[in-house]
PDB file of N, CA and C in Angstrom:
ATOM      1  N   MET A   1    -101.270 -47.854-108.237  1.00  0.00           N
ATOM      2  CA  MET A   1    -102.766 -47.444-107.740  1.00  0.00           C
ATOM      3  C   MET A   1    -103.303 -48.658-107.799  1.00  0.00           C
ATOM      4  N   LEU A   2    -103.041 -50.362-108.091  1.00  0.00           N
ATOM      5  CA  LEU A   2    -103.811 -51.492-107.473  1.00  0.00           C
ATOM      6  C   LEU A   2    -102.927 -51.984-106.203  1.00  0.00           C
ATOM      7  N   ILE A   3    -101.570 -51.158-106.005  1.00  0.00           N
ATOM      8  CA  ILE A   3    -102.076 -51.446-103.948  1.00  0.00           C
ATOM      9  C   ILE A   3    -102.759 -50.889-103.483  1.00  0.00           C
ATOM     10  N   ASN A   4    -103.195 -49.528-103.849  1.00  0.00           N
ATOM     11  CA  ASN A   4    -103.927 -48.461-102.935  1.00  0.00           C
ATOM     12  C   ASN A   4    -105.636 -48.952-102.899  1.00  0.00           C
ATOM     13  N   ILE A   5    -105.260 -50.191-103.848  1.00  0.00           N
ATOM     14  CA  ILE A   5    -107.216 -50.417-103.876  1.00  0.00           C
ATOM     15  C   ILE A   5    -107.342 -51.596-103.190  1.00  0.00           C
ATOM     16  N   ILE A   6    -106.108 -52.622-102.610  1.00  0.00           N
ATOM     17  CA  ILE A   6    -105.766 -53.308-102.547  1.00  0.00           C
ATOM     18  C   ILE A   6    -106.353 -53.700-100.759  1.00  0.00           C
ATOM     19  N   ILE A   7    -105.107 -51.803-100.670  1.00  0.00           N
ATOM     20  CA  ILE A   7    -104.644 -51.545 -99.243  1.00  0.00           C
ATOM     21  C   ILE A   7    -106.739 -51.267 -98.704  1.00  0.00           C
ATOM     22  N   THR A   8    -107.068 -50.430 -99.147  1.00  0.00           N
ATOM     23  CA  THR A   8    -108.293 -50.015 -99.190  1.00  0.00           C
ATOM     24  C   THR A   8    -109.811 -50.660 -98.762  1.00  0.00           C
ATOM     25  N   LEU A   9    -109.472 -51.920 -99.630  1.00  0.00           N
ATOM     26  CA  LEU A   9    -110.866 -53.176 -99.541  1.00  0.00           C
ATOM     27  C   LEU A   9    -110.067 -53.915 -98.357  1.00  0.00           C
ATOM     28  N   ILE A  10    -108.704 -54.060 -98.441  1.00  0.00           N
ATOM     29  CA  ILE A  10    -108.780 -54.767 -96.703  1.00  0.00           C
ATOM     30  C   ILE A  10    -109.089 -54.404 -95.425  1.00  0.00           C
ATOM     31  N   VAL A  11    -108.830 -52.726 -95.908  1.00  0.00           N
ATOM     32  CA  VAL A  11    -109.343 -52.023 -94.174  1.00  0.00           C
ATOM     33  C   VAL A  11    -111.024 -51.961 -94.121  1.00  0.00           C
ATOM     34  N   VAL A  12    -111.695 -51.542 -95.708  1.00  0.00           N
ATOM     35  CA  VAL A  12    -113.014 -51.504 -95.079  1.00  0.00           C
ATOM     36  C   VAL A  12    -113.452 -52.721 -95.221  1.00  0.00           C
ATOM     37  N   GLY A  13    -113.103 -54.484 -94.952  1.00  0.00           N
ATOM     38  CA  GLY A  13    -113.512 -55.483 -95.117  1.00  0.00           C
ATOM     39  C   GLY A  13    -113.250 -55.890 -92.813  1.00  0.00           C
ATOM     40  N   VAL A  14    -111.813 -54.691 -92.670  1.00  0.00           N
ATOM     41  CA  VAL A  14    -111.600 -55.646 -91.440  1.00  0.00           C
ATOM     42  C   VAL A  14    -112.593 -54.105 -90.664  1.00  0.00           C
ATOM     43  N   LEU A  15    -112.566 -53.235 -91.249  1.00  0.00           N
ATOM     44  CA  LEU A  15    -113.754 -52.101 -90.227  1.00  0.00           C
ATOM     45  C   LEU A  15    -115.155 -52.826 -90.511  1.00  0.00           C
ATOM     46  N   LEU A  16    -116.302 -53.670 -91.405  1.00  0.00           N
ATOM     47  CA  LEU A  16    -116.776 -54.142 -91.706  1.00  0.00           C
ATOM     48  C   LEU A  16    -117.085 -55.887 -90.555  1.00  0.00           C
ATOM     49  N   TRP A  17    -115.764 -56.147 -90.540  1.00  0.00           N
ATOM     50  CA  TRP A  17    -116.057 -56.990 -89.535  1.00  0.00           C
ATOM     51  C   TRP A  17    -115.932 -56.480 -88.247  1.00  0.00           C
ATOM     52  N   LEU A  18    -115.121 -55.678 -87.640  1.00  0.00           N
ATOM     53  CA  LEU A  18    -115.236 -54.961 -86.281  1.00  0.00           C
ATOM     54  C   LEU A  18    -116.611 -54.821 -86.050  1.00  0.00           C
ATOM     55  N   VAL A  19    -117.332 -53.374 -86.998  1.00  0.00           N
ATOM     56  CA  VAL A  19    -119.003 -53.537 -86.868  1.00  0.00           C
ATOM     57  C   VAL A  19    -119.605 -54.802 -86.073  1.00  0.00           C
ATOM     58  N   ASN A  20    -119.761 -56.000 -87.331  1.00  0.00           N
ATOM     59  CA  ASN A  20    -120.280 -56.752 -87.161  1.00  0.00           C
ATOM     60  C   ASN A  20    -120.110 -57.887 -85.876  1.00  0.00           C
ATOM     61  N   THR A  21    -119.029 -57.457 -85.163  1.00  0.00           N
ATOM     62  CA  THR A  21    -118.298 -58.975 -84.314  1.00  0.00           C
ATOM     63  C   THR A  21    -118.835 -57.728 -82.963  1.00  0.00           C
ATOM     64  N   TYR A  22    -118.288 -57.327 -82.941  1.00  0.00           N
ATOM     65  CA  TYR A  22    -118.411 -55.999 -81.996  1.00  0.00           C
ATOM     66  C   TYR A  22    -118.909 -55.398 -81.440  1.00  0.00           C
ATOM     67  N   LEU A  23    -119.932 -54.965 -82.114  1.00  0.00           N
ATOM     68  CA  LEU A  23    -120.892 -53.509 -82.099  1.00  0.00           C
ATOM     69  C   LEU A  23    -121.901 -54.757 -81.804  1.00  0.00           C
ATOM     70  N   PRO A  24    -123.074 -54.332 -80.650  1.00  0.00           N
ATOM     71  CA  PRO A  24    -124.475 -54.786 -80.948  1.00  0.00           C
ATOM     72  C   PRO A  24    -125.763 -53.892 -80.968  1.00  0.00           C
ATOM     73  N   MET A  25    -125.905 -54.267 -82.106  1.00  0.00           N
ATOM     74  CA  MET A  25    -126.991 -54.157 -83.250  1.00  0.00           C
ATOM     75  C   MET A  25    -127.266 -55.286 -82.852  1.00  0.00           C
ATOM     76  N   ASP A  26    -129.234 -54.546 -83.778  1.00  0.00           N
ATOM     77  CA  ASP A  26    -130.130 -56.052 -84.446  1.00  0.00           C
ATOM     78  C   ASP A  26    -129.375 -55.973 -85.613  1.00  0.00           C
ATOM     79  N   GLY A  27    -129.939 -57.338 -85.637  1.00  0.00           N
ATOM     80  CA  GLY A  27    -129.926 -57.847 -86.629  1.00  0.00           C
ATOM     81  C   GLY A  27    -130.103 -57.322 -88.684  1.00  0.00           C
ATOM     82  N   LYS A  28    -131.410 -57.079 -88.380  1.00  0.00           N
ATOM     83  CA  LYS A  28    -131.968 -56.140 -89.955  1.00  0.00           C
ATOM     84  C   LYS A  28    -130.844 -54.865 -89.469  1.00  0.00           C
ATOM     85  N   ILE A  29    -130.349 -54.269 -89.075  1.00  0.00           N
ATOM     86  CA  ILE A  29    -130.122 -52.656 -88.704  1.00  0.00           C
ATOM     87  C   ILE A  29    -128.634 -53.212 -90.014  1.00  0.00           C
ATOM     88  N   LYS A  30    -127.729 -54.626 -88.754  1.00  0.00           N
ATOM     89  CA  LYS A  30    -126.726 -55.149 -88.973  1.00  0.00           C
ATOM     90  C   LYS A  30    -126.334 -55.425 -91.177  1.00  0.00           C
ATOM     91  N   SER A  31    -127.782 -56.015 -91.105  1.00  0.00           N
ATOM     92  CA  SER A  31    -127.180 -56.048 -92.831  1.00  0.00           C
ATOM     93  C   SER A  31    -127.837 -55.307 -93.511  1.00  0.00           C
ATOM     94  N   ILE A  32    -128.899 -53.855 -93.500  1.00  0.00           N
ATOM     95  CA  ILE A  32    -128.788 -52.781 -93.992  1.00  0.00           C
ATOM     96  C   ILE A  32    -127.449 -52.330 -93.989  1.00  0.00           C
ATOM     97  N   LEU A  33    -126.795 -52.298 -93.123  1.00  0.00           N
ATOM     98  CA  LEU A  33    -125.028 -51.674 -92.762  1.00  0.00           C
ATOM     99  C   LEU A  33    -124.375 -52.083 -94.005  1.00  0.00           C
ATOM    100  N   ASN A  34    -124.782 -53.538 -93.658  1.00  0.00           N
ATOM    101  CA  ASN A  34    -123.631 -54.059 -94.686  1.00  0.00           C
ATOM    102  C   ASN A  34    -124.395 -54.257 -96.117  1.00  0.00           C
ATOM    103  N   ILE A  35    -124.811 -53.835 -96.268  1.00  0.00           N
ATOM    104  CA  ILE A  35    -125.479 -53.981 -98.044  1.00  0.00           C
ATOM    105  C   ILE A  35    -124.871 -52.035 -98.248  1.00  0.00           C
ATOM    106  N   VAL A  36    -125.023 -51.495 -97.897  1.00  0.00           N
ATOM    107  CA  VAL A  36    -125.095 -49.969 -97.789  1.00  0.00           C
ATOM    108  C   VAL A  36    -123.624 -49.847 -97.882  1.00  0.00           C
ATOM    109  N   ILE A  37    -122.874 -50.434 -97.240  1.00  0.00           N
ATOM    110  CA  ILE A  37    -121.384 -50.351 -97.469  1.00  0.00           C
ATOM    111  C   ILE A  37    -120.520 -51.178 -98.320  1.00  0.00           C
ATOM    112  N   VAL A  38    -121.321 -52.343 -99.117  1.00  0.00           N
ATOM    113  CA  VAL A  38    -121.084 -53.210 -99.762  1.00  0.00           C
ATOM    114  C   VAL A  38    -121.376 -52.135-101.411  1.00  0.00           C
ATOM    115  N   ILE A  39    -122.529 -51.658-101.676  1.00  0.00           N
ATOM    116  CA  ILE A  39    -123.150 -51.084-102.468  1.00  0.00           C
ATOM    117  C   ILE A  39    -122.157 -49.884-102.753  1.00  0.00           C
ATOM    118  N   ALA A  40    -121.213 -49.176-101.423  1.00  0.00           N
ATOM    119  CA  ALA A  40    -120.565 -47.367-101.903  1.00  0.00           C
ATOM    120  C   ALA A  40    -119.348 -48.564-101.621  1.00  0.00           C
ATOM    121  N   VAL A  41    -118.829 -49.005-101.860  1.00  0.00           N
ATOM    122  CA  VAL A  41    -117.254 -49.846-101.765  1.00  0.00           C
ATOM    123  C   VAL A  41    -117.348 -50.469-103.497  1.00  0.00           C
ATOM    124  N   VAL A  42    -118.572 -51.079-103.966  1.00  0.00           N
ATOM    125  CA  VAL A  42    -118.058 -51.857-105.100  1.00  0.00           C
ATOM    126  C   VAL A  42    -118.431 -50.442-105.892  1.00  0.00           C
ATOM    127  N   ILE A  43    -118.986 -49.555-106.082  1.00  0.00           N
ATOM    128  CA  ILE A  43    -119.317 -47.591-106.243  1.00  0.00           C
ATOM    129  C   ILE A  43    -118.102 -47.039-106.838  1.00  0.00           C
ATOM    130  N   TRP A  44    -117.221 -47.093-105.311  1.00  0.00           N
ATOM    131  CA  TRP A  44    -116.440 -46.156-105.481  1.00  0.00           C
ATOM    132  C   TRP A  44    -114.939 -47.268-106.265  1.00  0.00           C
ATOM    133  N   LEU A  45    -115.276 -49.000-106.302  1.00  0.00           N
ATOM    134  CA  LEU A  45    -114.354 -49.510-106.636  1.00  0.00           C
ATOM    135  C   LEU A  45    -114.254 -49.309-108.967  1.00  0.00           C
ATOM    136  N   LEU A  46    -115.304 -48.876-108.674  1.00  0.00           N
ATOM    137  CA  LEU A  46    -115.928 -48.484-110.172  1.00  0.00           C
ATOM    138  C   LEU A  46    -115.399 -47.636-110.720  1.00  0.00           C
ATOM    139  N   ARG A  47    -115.870 -46.202-109.774  1.00  0.00           N
ATOM    140  CA  ARG A  47    -114.848 -45.108-110.540  1.00  0.00           C
ATOM    141  C   ARG A  47    -113.333 -45.631-110.363  1.00  0.00           C
ATOM    142  N   SER A  48    -112.906 -45.881-109.598  1.00  0.00           N
ATOM    143  CA  SER A  48    -111.446 -46.021-109.692  1.00  0.00           C
ATOM    144  C   SER A  48    -111.314 -47.105-110.584  1.00  0.00           C
ATOM    145  N   LEU A  49    -111.486 -48.032-110.957  1.00  0.00           N
ATOM    146  CA  LEU A  49    -111.003 -48.802-112.153  1.00  0.00           C
ATOM    147  C   LEU A  49    -111.183 -47.915-113.766  1.00  0.00           C
ATOM    148  N   GLY A  50    -112.197 -46.907-113.702  1.00  0.00           N
ATOM    149  CA  GLY A  50    -112.523 -45.744-114.961  1.00  0.00           C
ATOM    150  C   GLY A  50    -113.759 -46.424-115.212  1.00  0.00           C
ATOM    151  N   VAL A  51    -114.732 -47.374-114.850  1.00  0.00           N
ATOM    152  CA  VAL A  51    -115.570 -47.609-115.266  1.00  0.00           C
ATOM    153  C   VAL A  51    -116.863 -46.832-115.042  1.00  0.00           C
ATOM    154  N   LEU A  52    -117.039 -46.437-114.355  1.00  0.00           N
ATOM    155  CA  LEU A  52    -118.197 -45.448-114.028  1.00  0.00           C
ATOM    156  C   LEU A  52    -118.179 -44.039-114.219  1.00  0.00           C
ATOM    157  N   GLY A  53    -116.904 -43.321-115.159  1.00  0.00           N
ATOM    158  CA  GLY A  53    -116.267 -42.134-114.905  1.00  0.00           C
ATOM    159  C   GLY A  53    -117.242 -41.189-115.406  1.00  0.00           C
ATOM    160  N   GLY A  54    -117.561 -41.915-116.750  1.00  0.00           N
ATOM    161  CA  GLY A  54    -118.063 -41.112-117.746  1.00  0.00           C
ATOM    162  C   GLY A  54    -119.834 -40.714-117.523  1.00  0.00           C
ATOM    163  N   LEU A  55    -120.300 -41.528-116.069  1.00  0.00           N
ATOM    164  CA  LEU A  55    -121.505 -40.921-115.534  1.00  0.00           C
ATOM    165  C   LEU A  55    -121.741 -39.684-115.069  1.00  0.00           C
ATOM    166  N   GLY A  56    -120.721 -39.776-114.079  1.00  0.00           N
ATOM    167  CA  GLY A  56    -120.742 -38.596-113.142  1.00  0.00           C
ATOM    168  C   GLY A  56    -120.714 -37.546-113.930  1.00  0.00           C
TER     169      GLY A  56
END
């Protein structure tokens, strides 16, 4: 389980880096995209660790 979480975090980080580096977008759009992805990853991480399991 821990290996899957680490691999997923690495993949998401690399994809976010690729989007920020190679896709030409406005700076505001990139920052909004980064915030949305980080919030989604944090929520996913909390659910996978069982912290938010009772809320949903």
